Amino acid sequence: ERLRALGEMAGGVAHDFNNILAIILGRAQLALEDEKGDKMIKSVRVIEQTALDAAKTVRRLQDFAGVRASRAFEAVNLNQLVEGALEMVESRRVKLEETEGVTIEIGTELNEVAPVAGDAAELREALVNIIFNAMDAMPEGGKITVKSEQENSLVVLSVSDTGVGIPDEIKGKLFDPFFTTRAPAGSGLGLSVTYGIVTRHGGNIEVESTQGKGATFHIRLPVADCVEARSRPERKTPTIKHATILLADDDPEVSEILGLMLQQ
């Protein structure tokens, strides 16, 4: 209930900040079109990049709040998804070993499971976030095990590590946005985004841990019910050469900046 309330609040905050950032970013990009001086262009590009970085944080808040633009779900093979996620984290694993001398072994125990209905990219992101969290929990190195199994109508993905474990007093805060034990290195959004993704897929996520003895995250997702993979329809090149665009927004400043950008 507390996380649901936080999600609603985060969604509202994200909407308001999106409007503010749209104005800042739009004005900066229009200024870049007109400005000729190198010094001013450099300054405006800093503003533009800062606004883009802030927009990424807002999108992650939206992920937690569950207000990301919905896409059609398709049948997802979680074992294949695990293999893809491990490829994505491999570069970080190698970097830790080469630059910091931290050796992390990653193993799998993948059993035959039914497909789930979902967005493969989102689910892969959720799994990568958990694996990165496990790496951060093992400053001296250790082992991560990713396991898949089926429990009746649910498919379970488990990520176990041999790290430092999670103190009881912070277990209830793990999925809160901006909560981190790695400040200032961590943003505190990785696990909250994962929570949002899993919830949006009709699943749940739980953690088991004893301090000093590692942790295990369990993601449970419902089995797909007659979902078939769909391909995107081919886009046809529009034949209309002139068109009238109706632009509507509840923020007049946003409407103005969008109108100016369209005129450009």
C-alpha atoms as a PDB file:
ATOM      1  CA  GLU A   1       0.000   0.000   0.000  1.00  0.00           C
ATOM      2  CA  ARG A   2       2.851   2.369   0.844  1.00  0.00           C
ATOM      3  CA  LEU A   3       4.626   1.649  -2.460  1.00  0.00           C
ATOM      4  CA  ARG A   4       1.377   2.169  -4.360  1.00  0.00           C
ATOM      5  CA  ALA A   5       0.961   5.577  -2.716  1.00  0.00           C
ATOM      6  CA  LEU A   6       4.566   6.449  -3.512  1.00  0.00           C
ATOM      7  CA  GLY A   7       3.951   5.410  -7.109  1.00  0.00           C
ATOM      8  CA  GLU A   8       0.952   7.738  -7.431  1.00  0.00           C
ATOM      9  CA  MET A   9       2.948  10.603  -5.975  1.00  0.00           C
ATOM     10  CA  ALA A  10       5.934   9.872  -8.217  1.00  0.00           C
ATOM     11  CA  GLY A  11       3.684   9.797 -11.273  1.00  0.00           C
ATOM     12  CA  GLY A  12       2.317  13.252 -10.494  1.00  0.00           C
ATOM     13  CA  VAL A  13       5.758  14.698  -9.811  1.00  0.00           C
ATOM     14  CA  ALA A  14       7.117  13.162 -13.019  1.00  0.00           C
ATOM     15  CA  HIS A  15       4.300  14.742 -15.078  1.00  0.00           C
ATOM     16  CA  ASP A  16       4.971  18.215 -13.678  1.00  0.00           C
ATOM     17  CA  PHE A  17       8.729  17.930 -14.167  1.00  0.00           C
ATOM     18  CA  ASN A  18       8.251  16.667 -17.716  1.00  0.00           C
ATOM     19  CA  ASN A  19       6.449  19.897 -18.598  1.00  0.00           C
ATOM     20  CA  ILE A  20       9.185  22.011 -17.013  1.00  0.00           C
ATOM     21  CA  LEU A  21      11.939  20.073 -18.773  1.00  0.00           C
ATOM     22  CA  ALA A  22      10.121  20.276 -22.107  1.00  0.00           C
ATOM     23  CA  ILE A  23      10.199  24.080 -21.876  1.00  0.00           C
ATOM     24  CA  ILE A  24      13.868  24.220 -20.823  1.00  0.00           C
ATOM     25  CA  LEU A  25      14.961  21.731 -23.469  1.00  0.00           C
ATOM     26  CA  GLY A  26      12.870  23.306 -26.203  1.00  0.00           C
ATOM     27  CA  ARG A  27      14.131  26.817 -25.507  1.00  0.00           C
ATOM     28  CA  ALA A  28      17.740  25.578 -25.387  1.00  0.00           C
ATOM     29  CA  GLN A  29      17.425  23.775 -28.715  1.00  0.00           C
ATOM     30  CA  LEU A  30      15.808  26.809 -30.355  1.00  0.00           C
ATOM     31  CA  ALA A  31      18.620  28.995 -29.010  1.00  0.00           C
ATOM     32  CA  LEU A  32      21.179  26.652 -30.549  1.00  0.00           C
ATOM     33  CA  GLU A  33      19.533  27.155 -33.936  1.00  0.00           C
ATOM     34  CA  ASP A  34      19.994  30.940 -33.747  1.00  0.00           C
ATOM     35  CA  GLU A  35      23.168  31.374 -31.691  1.00  0.00           C
ATOM     36  CA  LYS A  36      26.499  31.819 -33.539  1.00  0.00           C
ATOM     37  CA  GLY A  37      28.919  32.551 -30.727  1.00  0.00           C
ATOM     38  CA  ASP A  38      31.014  29.536 -29.665  1.00  0.00           C
ATOM     39  CA  LYS A  39      31.024  30.487 -25.980  1.00  0.00           C
ATOM     40  CA  MET A  40      27.248  30.844 -25.817  1.00  0.00           C
ATOM     41  CA  ILE A  41      26.702  27.644 -27.832  1.00  0.00           C
ATOM     42  CA  LYS A  42      28.871  25.748 -25.338  1.00  0.00           C
ATOM     43  CA  SER A  43      26.854  27.100 -22.415  1.00  0.00           C
ATOM     44  CA  VAL A  44      23.510  26.285 -24.042  1.00  0.00           C
ATOM     45  CA  ARG A  45      24.685  22.751 -24.856  1.00  0.00           C
ATOM     46  CA  VAL A  46      25.426  22.258 -21.142  1.00  0.00           C
ATOM     47  CA  ILE A  47      21.842  23.326 -20.386  1.00  0.00           C
ATOM     48  CA  GLU A  48      20.525  20.976 -23.077  1.00  0.00           C
ATOM     49  CA  GLN A  49      22.510  17.982 -21.787  1.00  0.00           C
ATOM     50  CA  THR A  50      21.527  18.687 -18.181  1.00  0.00           C
ATOM     51  CA  ALA A  51      17.864  18.760 -19.176  1.00  0.00           C
ATOM     52  CA  LEU A  52      18.260  15.485 -21.095  1.00  0.00           C
ATOM     53  CA  ASP A  53      19.890  13.860 -18.047  1.00  0.00           C
ATOM     54  CA  ALA A  54      17.060  15.117 -15.838  1.00  0.00           C
ATOM     55  CA  ALA A  55      14.518  13.721 -18.322  1.00  0.00           C
ATOM     56  CA  LYS A  56      16.098  10.277 -17.932  1.00  0.00           C
ATOM     57  CA  THR A  57      15.551  10.476 -14.168  1.00  0.00           C
ATOM     58  CA  VAL A  58      11.922  11.483 -14.748  1.00  0.00           C
ATOM     59  CA  ARG A  59      11.411   8.497 -17.066  1.00  0.00           C
ATOM     60  CA  ARG A  60      12.733   6.196 -14.374  1.00  0.00           C
ATOM     61  CA  LEU A  61      10.284   7.738 -11.913  1.00  0.00           C
ATOM     62  CA  GLN A  62       7.533   7.016 -14.441  1.00  0.00           C
ATOM     63  CA  ASP A  63       8.759   3.423 -14.643  1.00  0.00           C
ATOM     64  CA  PHE A  64       8.351   3.079 -10.895  1.00  0.00           C
ATOM     65  CA  ALA A  65       4.927   4.736 -11.013  1.00  0.00           C
ATOM     66  CA  GLY A  66       3.808   2.397 -13.803  1.00  0.00           C
ATOM     67  CA  VAL A  67       2.952   5.206 -16.232  1.00  0.00           C
ATOM     68  CA  ARG A  68       5.327   4.253 -19.017  1.00  0.00           C
ATOM     69  CA  ALA A  69       3.561   4.176 -22.378  1.00  0.00           C
ATOM     70  CA  SER A  70       1.995   0.730 -22.672  1.00  0.00           C
ATOM     71  CA  ARG A  71       3.010  -1.666 -25.421  1.00  0.00           C
ATOM     72  CA  ALA A  72       1.375  -4.837 -26.658  1.00  0.00           C
ATOM     73  CA  PHE A  73       2.681  -7.822 -24.714  1.00  0.00           C
ATOM     74  CA  GLU A  74       4.014 -10.878 -26.491  1.00  0.00           C
ATOM     75  CA  ALA A  75       5.175 -14.324 -25.448  1.00  0.00           C
ATOM     76  CA  VAL A  76       8.589 -14.071 -23.771  1.00  0.00           C
ATOM     77  CA  ASN A  77      10.968 -16.975 -23.181  1.00  0.00           C
ATOM     78  CA  LEU A  78      12.548 -16.114 -19.824  1.00  0.00           C
ATOM     79  CA  ASN A  79      15.485 -18.473 -20.288  1.00  0.00           C
ATOM     80  CA  GLN A  80      16.467 -16.639 -23.471  1.00  0.00           C
ATOM     81  CA  LEU A  81      15.904 -13.358 -21.660  1.00  0.00           C
ATOM     82  CA  VAL A  82      18.335 -14.458 -18.916  1.00  0.00           C
ATOM     83  CA  GLU A  83      21.010 -15.220 -21.505  1.00  0.00           C
ATOM     84  CA  GLY A  84      20.545 -11.773 -23.043  1.00  0.00           C
ATOM     85  CA  ALA A  85      20.742 -10.050 -19.653  1.00  0.00           C
ATOM     86  CA  LEU A  86      23.978 -11.860 -18.794  1.00  0.00           C
ATOM     87  CA  GLU A  87      25.522 -10.662 -22.039  1.00  0.00           C
ATOM     88  CA  MET A  88      24.600  -7.115 -21.055  1.00  0.00           C
ATOM     89  CA  VAL A  89      26.259  -7.308 -17.617  1.00  0.00           C
ATOM     90  CA  GLU A  90      29.396  -9.099 -18.815  1.00  0.00           C
ATOM     91  CA  SER A  91      31.316  -5.917 -19.647  1.00  0.00           C
ATOM     92  CA  ARG A  92      30.797  -4.590 -16.119  1.00  0.00           C
ATOM     93  CA  ARG A  93      31.841  -7.920 -14.607  1.00  0.00           C
ATOM     94  CA  VAL A  94      35.057  -7.907 -16.653  1.00  0.00           C
ATOM     95  CA  LYS A  95      35.754  -4.260 -15.810  1.00  0.00           C
ATOM     96  CA  LEU A  96      35.455  -4.958 -12.076  1.00  0.00           C
ATOM     97  CA  GLU A  97      37.946  -7.791 -12.389  1.00  0.00           C
ATOM     98  CA  GLU A  98      40.443  -5.862 -14.510  1.00  0.00           C
ATOM     99  CA  THR A  99      40.334  -2.499 -12.740  1.00  0.00           C
ATOM    100  CA  GLU A 100      39.519  -3.381  -9.129  1.00  0.00           C
ATOM    101  CA  GLY A 101      40.568  -7.008  -8.848  1.00  0.00           C
ATOM    102  CA  VAL A 102      37.018  -8.044  -7.908  1.00  0.00           C
ATOM    103  CA  THR A 103      36.213 -11.501  -9.284  1.00  0.00           C
ATOM    104  CA  ILE A 104      32.527 -12.267  -9.698  1.00  0.00           C
ATOM    105  CA  GLU A 105      31.339 -15.626 -11.037  1.00  0.00           C
ATOM    106  CA  ILE A 106      27.900 -15.793 -12.633  1.00  0.00           C
ATOM    107  CA  GLY A 107      26.144 -19.147 -13.041  1.00  0.00           C
ATOM    108  CA  THR A 108      22.708 -20.265 -14.153  1.00  0.00           C
ATOM    109  CA  GLU A 109      20.227 -22.991 -13.260  1.00  0.00           C
ATOM    110  CA  LEU A 110      17.676 -22.698 -16.054  1.00  0.00           C
ATOM    111  CA  ASN A 111      14.825 -25.177 -16.055  1.00  0.00           C
ATOM    112  CA  GLU A 112      12.131 -25.644 -18.662  1.00  0.00           C
ATOM    113  CA  VAL A 113       9.449 -22.995 -18.102  1.00  0.00           C
ATOM    114  CA  ALA A 114       6.395 -21.770 -19.976  1.00  0.00           C
ATOM    115  CA  PRO A 115       6.555 -18.372 -21.727  1.00  0.00           C
ATOM    116  CA  VAL A 116       5.196 -15.301 -19.944  1.00  0.00           C
ATOM    117  CA  ALA A 117       3.261 -12.412 -21.461  1.00  0.00           C
ATOM    118  CA  GLY A 118       5.325  -9.279 -21.423  1.00  0.00           C
ATOM    119  CA  ASP A 119       7.698  -6.783 -22.951  1.00  0.00           C
ATOM    120  CA  ALA A 120      11.077  -8.481 -23.339  1.00  0.00           C
ATOM    121  CA  ALA A 121      13.076  -5.225 -23.195  1.00  0.00           C
ATOM    122  CA  GLU A 122      11.430  -4.124 -19.941  1.00  0.00           C
ATOM    123  CA  LEU A 123      11.820  -7.530 -18.286  1.00  0.00           C
ATOM    124  CA  ARG A 124      15.456  -7.677 -19.372  1.00  0.00           C
ATOM    125  CA  GLU A 125      16.024  -4.244 -17.831  1.00  0.00           C
ATOM    126  CA  ALA A 126      14.466  -5.426 -14.567  1.00  0.00           C
ATOM    127  CA  LEU A 127      16.749  -8.468 -14.445  1.00  0.00           C
ATOM    128  CA  VAL A 128      19.860  -6.440 -15.300  1.00  0.00           C
ATOM    129  CA  ASN A 129      19.053  -4.018 -12.460  1.00  0.00           C
ATOM    130  CA  ILE A 130      18.905  -6.888  -9.974  1.00  0.00           C
ATOM    131  CA  ILE A 131      22.166  -8.409 -11.226  1.00  0.00           C
ATOM    132  CA  PHE A 132      23.903  -5.031 -10.983  1.00  0.00           C
ATOM    133  CA  ASN A 133      22.556  -4.710  -7.435  1.00  0.00           C
ATOM    134  CA  ALA A 134      24.022  -8.134  -6.629  1.00  0.00           C
ATOM    135  CA  MET A 135      27.408  -7.064  -8.019  1.00  0.00           C
ATOM    136  CA  ASP A 136      27.366  -3.964  -5.835  1.00  0.00           C
ATOM    137  CA  ALA A 137      26.676  -6.178  -2.796  1.00  0.00           C
ATOM    138  CA  MET A 138      29.934  -8.109  -3.350  1.00  0.00           C
ATOM    139  CA  PRO A 139      32.821  -5.615  -2.984  1.00  0.00           C
ATOM    140  CA  GLU A 140      35.219  -8.503  -2.345  1.00  0.00           C
ATOM    141  CA  GLY A 141      33.853 -10.677  -5.142  1.00  0.00           C
ATOM    142  CA  GLY A 142      31.660 -13.753  -5.008  1.00  0.00           C
ATOM    143  CA  LYS A 143      29.070 -15.676  -6.997  1.00  0.00           C
ATOM    144  CA  ILE A 144      25.734 -14.800  -8.552  1.00  0.00           C
ATOM    145  CA  THR A 145      23.278 -17.521  -9.542  1.00  0.00           C
ATOM    146  CA  VAL A 146      20.293 -16.907 -11.806  1.00  0.00           C
ATOM    147  CA  LYS A 147      17.632 -19.619 -11.635  1.00  0.00           C
ATOM    148  CA  SER A 148      14.370 -20.205 -13.482  1.00  0.00           C
ATOM    149  CA  GLU A 149      11.601 -22.573 -12.434  1.00  0.00           C
ATOM    150  CA  GLN A 150       7.860 -22.933 -12.700  1.00  0.00           C
ATOM    151  CA  GLU A 151       5.408 -22.889  -9.804  1.00  0.00           C
ATOM    152  CA  ASN A 152       2.005 -23.913 -11.179  1.00  0.00           C
ATOM    153  CA  SER A 153       0.792 -20.899 -13.201  1.00  0.00           C
ATOM    154  CA  LEU A 154       3.788 -18.736 -12.271  1.00  0.00           C
ATOM    155  CA  VAL A 155       7.315 -18.601 -13.661  1.00  0.00           C
ATOM    156  CA  VAL A 156       9.929 -17.683 -11.066  1.00  0.00           C
ATOM    157  CA  LEU A 157      13.247 -15.981 -11.765  1.00  0.00           C
ATOM    158  CA  SER A 158      15.613 -15.965  -8.781  1.00  0.00           C
ATOM    159  CA  VAL A 159      18.877 -14.042  -8.490  1.00  0.00           C
ATOM    160  CA  SER A 160      21.076 -15.108  -5.572  1.00  0.00           C
ATOM    161  CA  ASP A 161      24.383 -13.595  -4.473  1.00  0.00           C
ATOM    162  CA  THR A 162      26.985 -14.377  -1.837  1.00  0.00           C
ATOM    163  CA  GLY A 163      27.377 -10.745  -0.838  1.00  0.00           C
ATOM    164  CA  VAL A 164      27.048  -8.760   2.353  1.00  0.00           C
ATOM    165  CA  GLY A 165      23.313  -9.308   2.712  1.00  0.00           C
ATOM    166  CA  ILE A 166      20.596  -6.805   3.587  1.00  0.00           C
ATOM    167  CA  PRO A 167      19.970  -5.542   7.138  1.00  0.00           C
ATOM    168  CA  ASP A 168      16.421  -6.116   8.356  1.00  0.00           C
ATOM    169  CA  GLU A 169      15.879  -2.410   9.007  1.00  0.00           C
ATOM    170  CA  ILE A 170      16.256  -1.477   5.318  1.00  0.00           C
ATOM    171  CA  LYS A 171      14.471  -4.402   3.644  1.00  0.00           C
ATOM    172  CA  GLY A 172      11.208  -2.469   3.614  1.00  0.00           C
ATOM    173  CA  LYS A 173      12.859   0.471   1.809  1.00  0.00           C
ATOM    174  CA  LEU A 174      14.613  -1.426  -0.991  1.00  0.00           C
ATOM    175  CA  PHE A 175      12.047  -0.598  -3.661  1.00  0.00           C
ATOM    176  CA  ASP A 176      11.491   3.025  -2.604  1.00  0.00           C
ATOM    177  CA  PRO A 177      12.575   5.533  -5.271  1.00  0.00           C
ATOM    178  CA  PHE A 178      15.878   7.292  -4.482  1.00  0.00           C
ATOM    179  CA  PHE A 179      16.690   4.976  -1.591  1.00  0.00           C
ATOM    180  CA  THR A 180      20.297   3.819  -1.862  1.00  0.00           C
ATOM    181  CA  THR A 181      23.070   2.564   0.368  1.00  0.00           C
ATOM    182  CA  ARG A 182      25.651   3.617  -2.229  1.00  0.00           C
ATOM    183  CA  ALA A 183      25.274   7.410  -2.131  1.00  0.00           C
ATOM    184  CA  PRO A 184      26.576   9.329  -3.993  1.00  0.00           C
ATOM    185  CA  ALA A 185      27.453   6.571  -6.471  1.00  0.00           C
ATOM    186  CA  GLY A 186      23.925   5.182  -6.772  1.00  0.00           C
ATOM    187  CA  SER A 187      20.753   6.932  -7.945  1.00  0.00           C
ATOM    188  CA  GLY A 188      18.427   4.756  -5.846  1.00  0.00           C
ATOM    189  CA  LEU A 189      16.164   4.116  -8.829  1.00  0.00           C
ATOM    190  CA  GLY A 190      17.311   0.718 -10.123  1.00  0.00           C
ATOM    191  CA  LEU A 191      15.242  -1.497  -7.829  1.00  0.00           C
ATOM    192  CA  SER A 192      12.260   0.873  -7.800  1.00  0.00           C
ATOM    193  CA  VAL A 193      12.184   0.722 -11.615  1.00  0.00           C
ATOM    194  CA  THR A 194      12.369  -3.070 -11.415  1.00  0.00           C
ATOM    195  CA  TYR A 195       9.434  -3.067  -8.985  1.00  0.00           C
ATOM    196  CA  GLY A 196       7.411  -0.930 -11.388  1.00  0.00           C
ATOM    197  CA  ILE A 197       8.170  -3.178 -14.367  1.00  0.00           C
ATOM    198  CA  VAL A 198       7.305  -6.390 -12.527  1.00  0.00           C
ATOM    199  CA  THR A 199       4.079  -4.914 -11.135  1.00  0.00           C
ATOM    200  CA  ARG A 200       3.064  -3.687 -14.591  1.00  0.00           C
ATOM    201  CA  HIS A 201       3.473  -7.279 -15.824  1.00  0.00           C
ATOM    202  CA  GLY A 202       1.072  -8.596 -13.189  1.00  0.00           C
ATOM    203  CA  GLY A 203       3.857 -10.141 -11.132  1.00  0.00           C
ATOM    204  CA  ASN A 204       5.521  -9.566  -7.784  1.00  0.00           C
ATOM    205  CA  ILE A 205       9.048  -9.322  -6.449  1.00  0.00           C
ATOM    206  CA  GLU A 206      10.330 -10.447  -3.046  1.00  0.00           C
ATOM    207  CA  VAL A 207      13.712 -10.530  -1.343  1.00  0.00           C
ATOM    208  CA  GLU A 208      15.165 -12.989   1.160  1.00  0.00           C
ATOM    209  CA  SER A 209      18.367 -12.083   2.962  1.00  0.00           C
ATOM    210  CA  THR A 210      20.400 -12.593   6.098  1.00  0.00           C
ATOM    211  CA  GLN A 211      23.039  -9.984   6.806  1.00  0.00           C
ATOM    212  CA  GLY A 212      26.457 -11.384   5.992  1.00  0.00           C
ATOM    213  CA  LYS A 213      25.023 -14.345   4.053  1.00  0.00           C
ATOM    214  CA  GLY A 214      23.928 -12.843   0.751  1.00  0.00           C
ATOM    215  CA  ALA A 215      20.494 -12.187  -0.732  1.00  0.00           C
ATOM    216  CA  THR A 216      18.007 -13.730  -3.155  1.00  0.00           C
ATOM    217  CA  PHE A 217      15.500 -11.769  -5.220  1.00  0.00           C
ATOM    218  CA  HIS A 218      12.489 -13.683  -6.554  1.00  0.00           C
ATOM    219  CA  ILE A 219      10.477 -12.382  -9.505  1.00  0.00           C
ATOM    220  CA  ARG A 220       7.174 -14.198 -10.085  1.00  0.00           C
ATOM    221  CA  LEU A 221       5.342 -13.657 -13.369  1.00  0.00           C
ATOM    222  CA  PRO A 222       2.116 -15.241 -14.637  1.00  0.00           C
ATOM    223  CA  VAL A 223       2.337 -17.735 -17.499  1.00  0.00           C
ATOM    224  CA  ALA A 224       1.250 -16.346 -20.869  1.00  0.00           C
ATOM    225  CA  ASP A 225      -2.351 -17.117 -21.770  1.00  0.00           C
ATOM    226  CA  CYS A 226      -2.495 -17.719 -25.518  1.00  0.00           C
ATOM    227  CA  VAL A 227      -0.227 -14.787 -26.348  1.00  0.00           C
ATOM    228  CA  GLU A 228       1.495 -14.922 -29.695  1.00  0.00           C
ATOM    229  CA  ALA A 229       4.534 -12.946 -30.731  1.00  0.00           C
ATOM    230  CA  ARG A 230       3.529 -10.043 -32.962  1.00  0.00           C
ATOM    231  CA  SER A 231       5.595  -8.244 -35.542  1.00  0.00           C
ATOM    232  CA  ARG A 232       5.221  -4.539 -36.115  1.00  0.00           C
ATOM    233  CA  PRO A 233       3.266  -3.600 -39.231  1.00  0.00           C
ATOM    234  CA  GLU A 234       5.287  -1.969 -41.982  1.00  0.00           C
ATOM    235  CA  ARG A 235       4.985   1.782 -42.110  1.00  0.00           C
ATOM    236  CA  LYS A 236       3.785   3.216 -45.400  1.00  0.00           C
ATOM    237  CA  THR A 237       5.345   6.402 -46.649  1.00  0.00           C
ATOM    238  CA  PRO A 238       2.730   9.153 -46.311  1.00  0.00           C
ATOM    239  CA  THR A 239       1.630  10.774 -49.554  1.00  0.00           C
ATOM    240  CA  ILE A 240       0.261  13.968 -47.973  1.00  0.00           C
ATOM    241  CA  LYS A 241       2.516  16.928 -48.765  1.00  0.00           C
ATOM    242  CA  HIS A 242       0.682  19.543 -46.701  1.00  0.00           C
ATOM    243  CA  ALA A 243      -1.207  19.108 -43.469  1.00  0.00           C
ATOM    244  CA  THR A 244      -2.705  21.114 -40.644  1.00  0.00           C
ATOM    245  CA  ILE A 245      -1.490  20.124 -37.187  1.00  0.00           C
ATOM    246  CA  LEU A 246      -3.694  20.583 -34.141  1.00  0.00           C
ATOM    247  CA  LEU A 247      -1.485  21.035 -31.092  1.00  0.00           C
ATOM    248  CA  ALA A 248      -3.111  20.820 -27.659  1.00  0.00           C
ATOM    249  CA  ASP A 249      -1.510  20.832 -24.205  1.00  0.00           C
ATOM    250  CA  ASP A 250      -2.752  21.808 -20.764  1.00  0.00           C
ATOM    251  CA  ASP A 251       0.375  23.943 -20.221  1.00  0.00           C
ATOM    252  CA  PRO A 252       0.456  27.113 -22.388  1.00  0.00           C
ATOM    253  CA  GLU A 253       4.248  27.373 -22.089  1.00  0.00           C
ATOM    254  CA  VAL A 254       4.631  23.844 -23.471  1.00  0.00           C
ATOM    255  CA  SER A 255       2.186  24.616 -26.282  1.00  0.00           C
ATOM    256  CA  GLU A 256       4.139  27.738 -27.189  1.00  0.00           C
ATOM    257  CA  ILE A 257       7.518  26.000 -27.310  1.00  0.00           C
ATOM    258  CA  LEU A 258       6.147  23.080 -29.334  1.00  0.00           C
ATOM    259  CA  GLY A 259       4.598  25.550 -31.783  1.00  0.00           C
ATOM    260  CA  LEU A 260       7.916  27.359 -32.196  1.00  0.00           C
ATOM    261  CA  MET A 261       9.730  24.063 -32.775  1.00  0.00           C
ATOM    262  CA  LEU A 262       7.190  23.009 -35.413  1.00  0.00           C
ATOM    263  CA  GLN A 263       7.675  26.347 -37.180  1.00  0.00           C
ATOM    264  CA  GLN A 264      11.398  25.661 -37.309  1.00  0.00           C
END
